Amino acid sequence: MNLNSKIYVAGSHGLVGSAIVRRLKKLGYTNILGKTSTELDLRNQSEVAAFFATECPEYVFLAAAKVGGIMANNNLPAEFIYDNVMIEANVIHSAHKYRVNKLLFLGSSCIYPKYAPQPLKEEYLLTGELEPTNEPYAIAKIAGVKLCQAYRRQYGDNFLSVMPPNLYGINDTFDLENSHVLPALMKKFHEAKLSKSPSVTVWGSGNPRREFLYVDDLANACCFLMKHYNDDEIINIGTGVDITIAELAAMMADIIGFTGDISFDTTKPDGTPIKRLDVSKINRLGWSAQTALKTGIEKTYQWFSQEVCAVD
């Protein structure tokens, strides 16, 4: 990519897309395209085709997706598979049709089997059954991976797929029912501190282990891979370090200043027991995550306090 290359960031107003835009601007790229979901419905094939025909982007970061936590995935399985499959199919096909130089597709670590060996290596894809609570989303993401590989194999398109772990950071969604675990915990502990609640209840046993990546580190990796990676195989992006949900809750409480008790509702699902990515492949290319979890949470909470709470 040259600094004046026309770059389309699909999902530019979301958690991942906005971080990619920030990174691109920091690197000096000046010709960045972005549309809100109301301006361009990526589930609509004709709208997407018309956009690509008019704008002719040279590079595409496909960061648009319908995302959510365990409750959202359980309650809206049809939307999670339909919306994501349609977004991926329309953008990837138009990228092929209108001769995009390179496309980077954002997958998810949930594509790996529920009981795959740890850490999760790229070759574990499709070697076992998925976690039932997010299977529709995972299947949609696997479809995106296979679309990229199929267009590369049949047409020679330079489409690549990257797999991040749980993400968090600026522009996250802080919703107690539908967001991912880290932002949900941030809002829950913040509200408990303000209301002087004696305790906070966390979903599940607290035992599952998860890997968390600060979204600006992900954006850094995506821009790095857009320049340095051209392989057909998927590639993990992460820290390679995990933490239990109980440990995350304790860290969150400490950062926010909540001094009450933390309890766990074991009637709620835990999801996959452990998810930690093997990041040796991207490390060998010369990239590694720079933001420690505590530092990333502190940065996110500062933004949350200034931007989200001010609006609320």
C-alpha atoms as a PDB file:
ATOM      1  CA  MET A   1       0.000   0.000   0.000  1.00  0.00           C
ATOM      2  CA  ASN A   2       1.215   3.462  -0.896  1.00  0.00           C
ATOM      3  CA  LEU A   3       0.292   6.369   1.342  1.00  0.00           C
ATOM      4  CA  ASN A   4      -2.187   7.618  -1.252  1.00  0.00           C
ATOM      5  CA  SER A   5      -3.700   4.195  -2.035  1.00  0.00           C
ATOM      6  CA  LYS A   6      -7.484   4.091  -1.783  1.00  0.00           C
ATOM      7  CA  ILE A   7      -8.257   1.941   1.271  1.00  0.00           C
ATOM      8  CA  TYR A   8     -11.738   0.818   2.272  1.00  0.00           C
ATOM      9  CA  VAL A   9     -12.273  -0.111   5.928  1.00  0.00           C
ATOM     10  CA  ALA A  10     -15.567  -2.016   6.167  1.00  0.00           C
ATOM     11  CA  GLY A  11     -16.921  -1.448   9.659  1.00  0.00           C
ATOM     12  CA  SER A  12     -14.936   1.759  10.091  1.00  0.00           C
ATOM     13  CA  HIS A  13     -17.132   2.989  12.953  1.00  0.00           C
ATOM     14  CA  GLY A  14     -16.910  -0.197  15.033  1.00  0.00           C
ATOM     15  CA  LEU A  15     -14.374  -1.327  17.601  1.00  0.00           C
ATOM     16  CA  VAL A  16     -11.942  -2.932  15.141  1.00  0.00           C
ATOM     17  CA  GLY A  17     -12.584  -0.754  12.090  1.00  0.00           C
ATOM     18  CA  SER A  18     -12.128   2.531  13.948  1.00  0.00           C
ATOM     19  CA  ALA A  19      -8.839   1.249  15.395  1.00  0.00           C
ATOM     20  CA  ILE A  20      -7.622   0.334  11.899  1.00  0.00           C
ATOM     21  CA  VAL A  21      -8.550   3.812  10.670  1.00  0.00           C
ATOM     22  CA  ARG A  22      -6.626   5.362  13.579  1.00  0.00           C
ATOM     23  CA  ARG A  23      -3.593   3.242  12.767  1.00  0.00           C
ATOM     24  CA  LEU A  24      -3.700   3.988   9.053  1.00  0.00           C
ATOM     25  CA  LYS A  25      -3.889   7.726   9.715  1.00  0.00           C
ATOM     26  CA  LYS A  26      -1.013   7.493  12.186  1.00  0.00           C
ATOM     27  CA  LEU A  27       1.062   5.751   9.493  1.00  0.00           C
ATOM     28  CA  GLY A  28       0.319   8.575   7.047  1.00  0.00           C
ATOM     29  CA  TYR A  29      -2.355   7.027   4.805  1.00  0.00           C
ATOM     30  CA  THR A  30      -4.650   9.750   3.507  1.00  0.00           C
ATOM     31  CA  ASN A  31      -7.185   8.116   1.185  1.00  0.00           C
ATOM     32  CA  ILE A  32      -9.369   6.091   3.559  1.00  0.00           C
ATOM     33  CA  LEU A  33     -12.980   5.174   2.789  1.00  0.00           C
ATOM     34  CA  GLY A  34     -15.538   4.387   5.452  1.00  0.00           C
ATOM     35  CA  LYS A  35     -19.325   4.130   5.562  1.00  0.00           C
ATOM     36  CA  THR A  36     -21.765   3.700   8.412  1.00  0.00           C
ATOM     37  CA  SER A  37     -24.241   0.805   8.285  1.00  0.00           C
ATOM     38  CA  THR A  38     -27.025   3.276   7.475  1.00  0.00           C
ATOM     39  CA  GLU A  39     -25.029   4.709   4.563  1.00  0.00           C
ATOM     40  CA  LEU A  40     -24.134   1.284   3.171  1.00  0.00           C
ATOM     41  CA  ASP A  41     -25.888  -1.958   4.130  1.00  0.00           C
ATOM     42  CA  LEU A  42     -23.220  -4.580   3.570  1.00  0.00           C
ATOM     43  CA  ARG A  43     -25.877  -7.307   3.696  1.00  0.00           C
ATOM     44  CA  ASN A  44     -27.308  -5.916   0.451  1.00  0.00           C
ATOM     45  CA  GLN A  45     -25.451  -7.264  -2.574  1.00  0.00           C
ATOM     46  CA  SER A  46     -26.523  -4.533  -5.003  1.00  0.00           C
ATOM     47  CA  GLU A  47     -25.544  -1.742  -2.598  1.00  0.00           C
ATOM     48  CA  VAL A  48     -22.118  -3.275  -2.029  1.00  0.00           C
ATOM     49  CA  ALA A  49     -21.539  -3.831  -5.754  1.00  0.00           C
ATOM     50  CA  ALA A  50     -22.532  -0.243  -6.543  1.00  0.00           C
ATOM     51  CA  PHE A  51     -20.158   1.066  -3.870  1.00  0.00           C
ATOM     52  CA  PHE A  52     -17.204  -0.923  -5.229  1.00  0.00           C
ATOM     53  CA  ALA A  53     -18.032   0.030  -8.822  1.00  0.00           C
ATOM     54  CA  THR A  54     -18.106   3.723  -7.902  1.00  0.00           C
ATOM     55  CA  GLU A  55     -15.217   3.940  -5.435  1.00  0.00           C
ATOM     56  CA  CYS A  56     -12.867   1.220  -6.788  1.00  0.00           C
ATOM     57  CA  PRO A  57     -10.892   0.698  -3.572  1.00  0.00           C
ATOM     58  CA  GLU A  58      -7.418  -0.777  -3.986  1.00  0.00           C
ATOM     59  CA  TYR A  59      -7.198  -2.357  -0.531  1.00  0.00           C
ATOM     60  CA  VAL A  60      -9.906  -3.607   1.825  1.00  0.00           C
ATOM     61  CA  PHE A  61      -9.952  -4.328   5.547  1.00  0.00           C
ATOM     62  CA  LEU A  62     -13.104  -6.372   6.194  1.00  0.00           C
ATOM     63  CA  ALA A  63     -13.778  -5.569   9.848  1.00  0.00           C
ATOM     64  CA  ALA A  64     -17.573  -5.273   9.611  1.00  0.00           C
ATOM     65  CA  ALA A  65     -19.507  -7.917  11.536  1.00  0.00           C
ATOM     66  CA  LYS A  66     -22.410  -8.531  13.855  1.00  0.00           C
ATOM     67  CA  VAL A  67     -20.800  -9.342  17.190  1.00  0.00           C
ATOM     68  CA  GLY A  68     -21.844  -9.960  20.786  1.00  0.00           C
ATOM     69  CA  GLY A  69     -21.350 -12.011  23.918  1.00  0.00           C
ATOM     70  CA  ILE A  70     -22.814 -15.349  24.986  1.00  0.00           C
ATOM     71  CA  MET A  71     -26.333 -13.993  25.612  1.00  0.00           C
ATOM     72  CA  ALA A  72     -26.522 -12.208  22.266  1.00  0.00           C
ATOM     73  CA  ASN A  73     -25.261 -15.301  20.444  1.00  0.00           C
ATOM     74  CA  ASN A  74     -27.798 -17.493  22.261  1.00  0.00           C
ATOM     75  CA  ASN A  75     -30.732 -15.169  21.625  1.00  0.00           C
ATOM     76  CA  LEU A  76     -29.995 -14.168  18.022  1.00  0.00           C
ATOM     77  CA  PRO A  77     -28.439 -17.182  16.271  1.00  0.00           C
ATOM     78  CA  ALA A  78     -30.187 -16.548  12.944  1.00  0.00           C
ATOM     79  CA  GLU A  79     -29.011 -12.937  12.804  1.00  0.00           C
ATOM     80  CA  PHE A  80     -25.460 -13.884  13.728  1.00  0.00           C
ATOM     81  CA  ILE A  81     -25.119 -16.390  10.926  1.00  0.00           C
ATOM     82  CA  TYR A  82     -27.171 -14.567   8.280  1.00  0.00           C
ATOM     83  CA  ASP A  83     -25.802 -11.047   8.751  1.00  0.00           C
ATOM     84  CA  ASN A  84     -22.181 -12.169   8.893  1.00  0.00           C
ATOM     85  CA  VAL A  85     -22.384 -14.564   5.948  1.00  0.00           C
ATOM     86  CA  MET A  86     -24.058 -11.898   3.805  1.00  0.00           C
ATOM     87  CA  ILE A  87     -21.534  -9.196   4.765  1.00  0.00           C
ATOM     88  CA  GLU A  88     -18.583 -11.464   3.991  1.00  0.00           C
ATOM     89  CA  ALA A  89     -19.957 -12.841   0.754  1.00  0.00           C
ATOM     90  CA  ASN A  90     -20.896  -9.445  -0.642  1.00  0.00           C
ATOM     91  CA  VAL A  91     -17.655  -7.670   0.247  1.00  0.00           C
ATOM     92  CA  ILE A  92     -15.342 -10.521  -0.759  1.00  0.00           C
ATOM     93  CA  HIS A  93     -17.138 -11.100  -4.060  1.00  0.00           C
ATOM     94  CA  SER A  94     -17.112  -7.386  -4.942  1.00  0.00           C
ATOM     95  CA  ALA A  95     -13.433  -7.178  -3.982  1.00  0.00           C
ATOM     96  CA  HIS A  96     -12.826  -9.907  -6.546  1.00  0.00           C
ATOM     97  CA  LYS A  97     -15.134  -8.494  -9.190  1.00  0.00           C
ATOM     98  CA  TYR A  98     -13.690  -4.980  -9.014  1.00  0.00           C
ATOM     99  CA  ARG A  99     -10.067  -6.143  -8.804  1.00  0.00           C
ATOM    100  CA  VAL A 100      -9.051  -5.093  -5.312  1.00  0.00           C
ATOM    101  CA  ASN A 101      -5.272  -5.543  -4.882  1.00  0.00           C
ATOM    102  CA  LYS A 102      -5.545  -7.125  -1.445  1.00  0.00           C
ATOM    103  CA  LEU A 103      -8.202  -7.874   1.164  1.00  0.00           C
ATOM    104  CA  LEU A 104      -7.749  -8.687   4.842  1.00  0.00           C
ATOM    105  CA  PHE A 105     -10.638 -10.500   6.528  1.00  0.00           C
ATOM    106  CA  LEU A 106     -11.094 -10.368  10.304  1.00  0.00           C
ATOM    107  CA  GLY A 107     -12.092 -13.739  11.671  1.00  0.00           C
ATOM    108  CA  SER A 108     -12.244 -14.829  15.310  1.00  0.00           C
ATOM    109  CA  SER A 109     -10.658 -17.369  17.639  1.00  0.00           C
ATOM    110  CA  CYS A 110     -14.123 -18.899  18.107  1.00  0.00           C
ATOM    111  CA  ILE A 111     -13.640 -20.693  14.758  1.00  0.00           C
ATOM    112  CA  TYR A 112     -11.460 -23.260  16.539  1.00  0.00           C
ATOM    113  CA  PRO A 113     -12.938 -26.454  18.038  1.00  0.00           C
ATOM    114  CA  LYS A 114     -14.200 -26.230  21.611  1.00  0.00           C
ATOM    115  CA  TYR A 115     -11.781 -28.859  22.925  1.00  0.00           C
ATOM    116  CA  ALA A 116      -8.815 -28.234  20.636  1.00  0.00           C
ATOM    117  CA  PRO A 117      -5.340 -28.551  22.202  1.00  0.00           C
ATOM    118  CA  GLN A 118      -3.918 -25.370  23.675  1.00  0.00           C
ATOM    119  CA  PRO A 119      -2.546 -23.043  22.509  1.00  0.00           C
ATOM    120  CA  LEU A 120      -4.692 -22.912  19.391  1.00  0.00           C
ATOM    121  CA  LYS A 121      -2.648 -23.442  16.245  1.00  0.00           C
ATOM    122  CA  GLU A 122      -3.890 -22.342  12.837  1.00  0.00           C
ATOM    123  CA  GLU A 123      -4.006 -25.928  11.596  1.00  0.00           C
ATOM    124  CA  TYR A 124      -6.632 -26.873  14.227  1.00  0.00           C
ATOM    125  CA  LEU A 125      -9.394 -25.279  12.142  1.00  0.00           C
ATOM    126  CA  LEU A 126     -12.173 -27.807  11.339  1.00  0.00           C
ATOM    127  CA  THR A 127     -10.654 -30.610  13.413  1.00  0.00           C
ATOM    128  CA  GLY A 128     -13.515 -30.838  15.960  1.00  0.00           C
ATOM    129  CA  GLU A 129     -16.923 -29.572  17.053  1.00  0.00           C
ATOM    130  CA  LEU A 130     -17.506 -25.913  17.850  1.00  0.00           C
ATOM    131  CA  GLU A 131     -18.668 -24.303  21.087  1.00  0.00           C
ATOM    132  CA  PRO A 132     -22.519 -24.480  20.874  1.00  0.00           C
ATOM    133  CA  THR A 133     -23.148 -21.031  22.396  1.00  0.00           C
ATOM    134  CA  ASN A 134     -21.517 -19.212  19.465  1.00  0.00           C
ATOM    135  CA  GLU A 135     -21.666 -21.847  16.726  1.00  0.00           C
ATOM    136  CA  PRO A 136     -23.685 -19.712  14.230  1.00  0.00           C
ATOM    137  CA  TYR A 137     -21.159 -16.857  14.503  1.00  0.00           C
ATOM    138  CA  ALA A 138     -18.220 -19.268  14.259  1.00  0.00           C
ATOM    139  CA  ILE A 139     -19.665 -20.965  11.188  1.00  0.00           C
ATOM    140  CA  ALA A 140     -20.148 -17.585   9.528  1.00  0.00           C
ATOM    141  CA  LYS A 141     -16.525 -16.674  10.235  1.00  0.00           C
ATOM    142  CA  ILE A 142     -15.319 -20.021   8.905  1.00  0.00           C
ATOM    143  CA  ALA A 143     -17.331 -19.311   5.753  1.00  0.00           C
ATOM    144  CA  GLY A 144     -15.452 -16.019   5.396  1.00  0.00           C
ATOM    145  CA  VAL A 145     -12.119 -17.810   5.737  1.00  0.00           C
ATOM    146  CA  LYS A 146     -13.110 -20.374   3.112  1.00  0.00           C
ATOM    147  CA  LEU A 147     -14.390 -17.668   0.764  1.00  0.00           C
ATOM    148  CA  CYS A 148     -11.012 -15.932   0.902  1.00  0.00           C
ATOM    149  CA  GLN A 149      -9.185 -19.189   0.272  1.00  0.00           C
ATOM    150  CA  ALA A 150     -11.540 -20.211  -2.559  1.00  0.00           C
ATOM    151  CA  TYR A 151     -11.199 -16.904  -4.420  1.00  0.00           C
ATOM    152  CA  ARG A 152      -7.437 -17.100  -4.015  1.00  0.00           C
ATOM    153  CA  ARG A 153      -7.325 -20.671  -5.285  1.00  0.00           C
ATOM    154  CA  GLN A 154      -9.692 -20.180  -8.229  1.00  0.00           C
ATOM    155  CA  TYR A 155      -8.839 -16.632  -9.286  1.00  0.00           C
ATOM    156  CA  GLY A 156      -5.508 -15.803  -7.642  1.00  0.00           C
ATOM    157  CA  ASP A 157      -6.979 -13.027  -5.484  1.00  0.00           C
ATOM    158  CA  ASN A 158      -4.697 -11.870  -2.679  1.00  0.00           C
ATOM    159  CA  PHE A 159      -7.219 -12.357   0.130  1.00  0.00           C
ATOM    160  CA  LEU A 160      -5.999 -13.273   3.625  1.00  0.00           C
ATOM    161  CA  SER A 161      -7.690 -14.097   6.931  1.00  0.00           C
ATOM    162  CA  VAL A 162      -6.551 -13.225  10.446  1.00  0.00           C
ATOM    163  CA  MET A 163      -7.818 -14.663  13.736  1.00  0.00           C
ATOM    164  CA  PRO A 164      -7.785 -12.455  16.855  1.00  0.00           C
ATOM    165  CA  PRO A 165      -8.849 -13.462  20.396  1.00  0.00           C
ATOM    166  CA  ASN A 166     -11.277 -11.483  22.579  1.00  0.00           C
ATOM    167  CA  LEU A 167     -10.853  -7.808  21.751  1.00  0.00           C
ATOM    168  CA  TYR A 168     -11.406  -4.677  23.827  1.00  0.00           C
ATOM    169  CA  GLY A 169     -10.623  -0.979  23.729  1.00  0.00           C
ATOM    170  CA  ILE A 170     -11.844   2.395  22.512  1.00  0.00           C
ATOM    171  CA  ASN A 171     -15.264   2.352  20.782  1.00  0.00           C
ATOM    172  CA  ASP A 172     -16.255  -0.947  22.347  1.00  0.00           C
ATOM    173  CA  THR A 173     -19.903  -1.734  23.121  1.00  0.00           C
ATOM    174  CA  PHE A 174     -20.664  -1.581  26.837  1.00  0.00           C
ATOM    175  CA  ASP A 175     -23.888  -3.519  27.235  1.00  0.00           C
ATOM    176  CA  LEU A 176     -24.563  -5.767  30.202  1.00  0.00           C
ATOM    177  CA  GLU A 177     -26.611  -8.227  28.146  1.00  0.00           C
ATOM    178  CA  ASN A 178     -25.164  -8.246  24.634  1.00  0.00           C
ATOM    179  CA  SER A 179     -21.514  -7.199  24.773  1.00  0.00           C
ATOM    180  CA  HIS A 180     -18.414  -9.330  25.298  1.00  0.00           C
ATOM    181  CA  VAL A 181     -17.187 -10.224  28.756  1.00  0.00           C
ATOM    182  CA  LEU A 182     -14.557  -7.506  29.295  1.00  0.00           C
ATOM    183  CA  PRO A 183     -16.644  -4.415  28.412  1.00  0.00           C
ATOM    184  CA  ALA A 184     -19.667  -5.919  30.200  1.00  0.00           C
ATOM    185  CA  LEU A 185     -17.592  -6.366  33.350  1.00  0.00           C
ATOM    186  CA  MET A 186     -16.247  -2.823  33.032  1.00  0.00           C
ATOM    187  CA  LYS A 187     -19.731  -1.344  32.985  1.00  0.00           C
ATOM    188  CA  LYS A 188     -20.970  -3.667  35.732  1.00  0.00           C
ATOM    189  CA  PHE A 189     -18.151  -2.780  38.132  1.00  0.00           C
ATOM    190  CA  HIS A 190     -18.374   0.916  37.266  1.00  0.00           C
ATOM    191  CA  GLU A 191     -22.093   1.000  38.039  1.00  0.00           C
ATOM    192  CA  ALA A 192     -21.583  -1.009  41.227  1.00  0.00           C
ATOM    193  CA  LYS A 193     -18.952   1.477  42.398  1.00  0.00           C
ATOM    194  CA  LEU A 194     -21.252   4.444  41.727  1.00  0.00           C
ATOM    195  CA  SER A 195     -24.211   2.822  43.469  1.00  0.00           C
ATOM    196  CA  LYS A 196     -22.025   1.571  46.343  1.00  0.00           C
ATOM    197  CA  SER A 197     -23.301  -1.939  45.746  1.00  0.00           C
ATOM    198  CA  PRO A 198     -21.909  -4.497  48.233  1.00  0.00           C
ATOM    199  CA  SER A 199     -21.281  -7.108  45.537  1.00  0.00           C
ATOM    200  CA  VAL A 200     -21.072  -7.847  41.810  1.00  0.00           C
ATOM    201  CA  THR A 201     -22.227 -11.097  40.247  1.00  0.00           C
ATOM    202  CA  VAL A 202     -20.284 -12.451  37.282  1.00  0.00           C
ATOM    203  CA  TRP A 203     -21.707 -14.950  34.793  1.00  0.00           C
ATOM    204  CA  GLY A 204     -20.405 -18.511  35.009  1.00  0.00           C
ATOM    205  CA  SER A 205     -17.926 -20.177  37.316  1.00  0.00           C
ATOM    206  CA  GLY A 206     -15.057 -17.768  36.698  1.00  0.00           C
ATOM    207  CA  ASN A 207     -12.840 -20.705  35.704  1.00  0.00           C
ATOM    208  CA  PRO A 208     -12.727 -20.366  31.879  1.00  0.00           C
ATOM    209  CA  ARG A 209      -9.484 -18.904  30.573  1.00  0.00           C
ATOM    210  CA  ARG A 210      -9.490 -16.258  27.876  1.00  0.00           C
ATOM    211  CA  GLU A 211      -6.929 -14.269  25.921  1.00  0.00           C
ATOM    212  CA  PHE A 212      -7.553 -10.545  25.467  1.00  0.00           C
ATOM    213  CA  LEU A 213      -5.980  -8.252  22.880  1.00  0.00           C
ATOM    214  CA  TYR A 214      -6.093  -4.460  22.959  1.00  0.00           C
ATOM    215  CA  VAL A 215      -7.747  -3.372  19.732  1.00  0.00           C
ATOM    216  CA  ASP A 216      -5.033  -0.880  18.787  1.00  0.00           C
ATOM    217  CA  ASP A 217      -2.519  -3.734  18.893  1.00  0.00           C
ATOM    218  CA  LEU A 218      -4.796  -5.661  16.538  1.00  0.00           C
ATOM    219  CA  ALA A 219      -4.948  -2.690  14.170  1.00  0.00           C
ATOM    220  CA  ASN A 220      -1.162  -2.464  14.236  1.00  0.00           C
ATOM    221  CA  ALA A 221      -0.948  -6.164  13.336  1.00  0.00           C
ATOM    222  CA  CYS A 222      -3.497  -5.863  10.515  1.00  0.00           C
ATOM    223  CA  CYS A 223      -1.567  -3.032   8.867  1.00  0.00           C
ATOM    224  CA  PHE A 224       1.663  -5.005   9.354  1.00  0.00           C
ATOM    225  CA  LEU A 225       0.183  -8.108   7.726  1.00  0.00           C
ATOM    226  CA  MET A 226      -1.306  -6.140   4.859  1.00  0.00           C
ATOM    227  CA  LYS A 227       2.266  -5.255   3.925  1.00  0.00           C
ATOM    228  CA  HIS A 228       4.128  -8.412   4.925  1.00  0.00           C
ATOM    229  CA  TYR A 229       1.837 -11.457   4.656  1.00  0.00           C
ATOM    230  CA  ASN A 230       0.506 -13.018   1.457  1.00  0.00           C
ATOM    231  CA  ASP A 231      -0.169 -16.619   2.426  1.00  0.00           C
ATOM    232  CA  ASP A 232      -3.254 -18.725   1.783  1.00  0.00           C
ATOM    233  CA  GLU A 233      -3.267 -19.989   5.372  1.00  0.00           C
ATOM    234  CA  ILE A 234      -4.978 -18.175   8.212  1.00  0.00           C
ATOM    235  CA  ILE A 235      -2.808 -16.449  10.799  1.00  0.00           C
ATOM    236  CA  ASN A 236      -3.446 -15.803  14.498  1.00  0.00           C
ATOM    237  CA  ILE A 237      -3.039 -12.373  16.074  1.00  0.00           C
ATOM    238  CA  GLY A 238      -2.801 -12.225  19.853  1.00  0.00           C
ATOM    239  CA  THR A 239      -0.718 -12.008  22.989  1.00  0.00           C
ATOM    240  CA  GLY A 240      -0.381 -15.749  23.591  1.00  0.00           C
ATOM    241  CA  VAL A 241      -1.281 -15.090  27.257  1.00  0.00           C
ATOM    242  CA  ASP A 242      -4.567 -16.035  28.929  1.00  0.00           C
ATOM    243  CA  ILE A 243      -6.301 -15.262  32.227  1.00  0.00           C
ATOM    244  CA  THR A 244      -9.269 -16.732  34.079  1.00  0.00           C
ATOM    245  CA  ILE A 245     -12.535 -14.794  34.120  1.00  0.00           C
ATOM    246  CA  ALA A 246     -12.213 -14.663  37.917  1.00  0.00           C
ATOM    247  CA  GLU A 247      -8.764 -13.072  37.600  1.00  0.00           C
ATOM    248  CA  LEU A 248     -10.097 -10.632  35.008  1.00  0.00           C
ATOM    249  CA  ALA A 249     -12.947  -9.646  37.326  1.00  0.00           C
ATOM    250  CA  ALA A 250     -10.540  -9.035  40.195  1.00  0.00           C
ATOM    251  CA  MET A 251      -8.286  -6.930  37.960  1.00  0.00           C
ATOM    252  CA  MET A 252     -11.268  -4.947  36.705  1.00  0.00           C
ATOM    253  CA  ALA A 253     -12.503  -4.284  40.234  1.00  0.00           C
ATOM    254  CA  ASP A 254      -9.051  -3.080  41.276  1.00  0.00           C
ATOM    255  CA  ILE A 255      -8.666  -0.723  38.285  1.00  0.00           C
ATOM    256  CA  ILE A 256     -12.142   0.756  38.726  1.00  0.00           C
ATOM    257  CA  GLY A 257     -11.903   0.980  42.491  1.00  0.00           C
ATOM    258  CA  PHE A 258     -14.727  -1.368  43.429  1.00  0.00           C
ATOM    259  CA  THR A 259     -14.119  -2.788  46.915  1.00  0.00           C
ATOM    260  CA  GLY A 260     -17.152  -5.045  47.364  1.00  0.00           C
ATOM    261  CA  ASP A 261     -17.477  -8.785  46.961  1.00  0.00           C
ATOM    262  CA  ILE A 262     -17.371 -10.698  43.658  1.00  0.00           C
ATOM    263  CA  SER A 263     -19.652 -13.724  43.266  1.00  0.00           C
ATOM    264  CA  PHE A 264     -20.213 -16.117  40.361  1.00  0.00           C
ATOM    265  CA  ASP A 265     -23.516 -17.329  38.949  1.00  0.00           C
ATOM    266  CA  THR A 266     -22.797 -20.931  38.032  1.00  0.00           C
ATOM    267  CA  THR A 267     -26.252 -21.362  36.497  1.00  0.00           C
ATOM    268  CA  LYS A 268     -25.001 -19.296  33.543  1.00  0.00           C
ATOM    269  CA  PRO A 269     -22.895 -20.911  30.768  1.00  0.00           C
ATOM    270  CA  ASP A 270     -19.106 -20.772  30.769  1.00  0.00           C
ATOM    271  CA  GLY A 271     -18.572 -21.334  27.048  1.00  0.00           C
ATOM    272  CA  THR A 272     -15.298 -22.845  25.873  1.00  0.00           C
ATOM    273  CA  PRO A 273     -13.106 -23.877  28.856  1.00  0.00           C
ATOM    274  CA  ILE A 274      -9.939 -22.253  27.511  1.00  0.00           C
ATOM    275  CA  LYS A 275      -9.010 -20.200  24.481  1.00  0.00           C
ATOM    276  CA  ARG A 276      -5.401 -19.146  23.950  1.00  0.00           C
ATOM    277  CA  LEU A 277      -3.873 -18.581  20.543  1.00  0.00           C
ATOM    278  CA  ASP A 278      -0.540 -19.871  19.333  1.00  0.00           C
ATOM    279  CA  VAL A 279       1.025 -16.663  17.975  1.00  0.00           C
ATOM    280  CA  SER A 280       4.411 -18.101  17.016  1.00  0.00           C
ATOM    281  CA  LYS A 281       3.644 -17.655  13.302  1.00  0.00           C
ATOM    282  CA  ILE A 282       3.091 -13.887  13.459  1.00  0.00           C
ATOM    283  CA  ASN A 283       5.911 -13.509  15.991  1.00  0.00           C
ATOM    284  CA  ARG A 284       8.298 -15.089  13.490  1.00  0.00           C
ATOM    285  CA  LEU A 285       7.256 -12.463  10.940  1.00  0.00           C
ATOM    286  CA  GLY A 286       8.406  -9.758  13.333  1.00  0.00           C
ATOM    287  CA  TRP A 287       5.216  -8.636  15.087  1.00  0.00           C
ATOM    288  CA  SER A 288       4.207  -9.001  18.733  1.00  0.00           C
ATOM    289  CA  ALA A 289       1.587  -7.352  20.945  1.00  0.00           C
ATOM    290  CA  GLN A 290       2.784  -4.340  22.937  1.00  0.00           C
ATOM    291  CA  THR A 291      -0.036  -3.530  25.366  1.00  0.00           C
ATOM    292  CA  ALA A 292      -0.250  -5.407  28.677  1.00  0.00           C
ATOM    293  CA  LEU A 293      -3.797  -6.303  29.737  1.00  0.00           C
ATOM    294  CA  LYS A 294      -3.799  -4.048  32.810  1.00  0.00           C
ATOM    295  CA  THR A 295      -2.525  -1.105  30.760  1.00  0.00           C
ATOM    296  CA  GLY A 296      -5.109  -1.713  28.043  1.00  0.00           C
ATOM    297  CA  ILE A 297      -7.966  -1.903  30.546  1.00  0.00           C
ATOM    298  CA  GLU A 298      -6.794   1.324  32.184  1.00  0.00           C
ATOM    299  CA  LYS A 299      -6.746   3.109  28.802  1.00  0.00           C
ATOM    300  CA  THR A 300     -10.168   1.723  27.938  1.00  0.00           C
ATOM    301  CA  TYR A 301     -11.655   2.706  31.290  1.00  0.00           C
ATOM    302  CA  GLN A 302     -10.309   6.230  30.941  1.00  0.00           C
ATOM    303  CA  TRP A 303     -12.023   6.523  27.538  1.00  0.00           C
ATOM    304  CA  PHE A 304     -15.185   4.865  28.877  1.00  0.00           C
ATOM    305  CA  SER A 305     -15.351   7.338  31.782  1.00  0.00           C
ATOM    306  CA  GLN A 306     -14.849  10.349  29.554  1.00  0.00           C
ATOM    307  CA  GLU A 307     -16.900   9.374  26.497  1.00  0.00           C
ATOM    308  CA  VAL A 308     -19.532   6.781  27.411  1.00  0.00           C
ATOM    309  CA  CYS A 309     -20.389   7.883  30.927  1.00  0.00           C
ATOM    310  CA  ALA A 310     -20.537  11.533  29.891  1.00  0.00           C
ATOM    311  CA  VAL A 311     -23.192  10.665  27.307  1.00  0.00           C
ATOM    312  CA  ASP A 312     -25.138   8.428  29.723  1.00  0.00           C
END
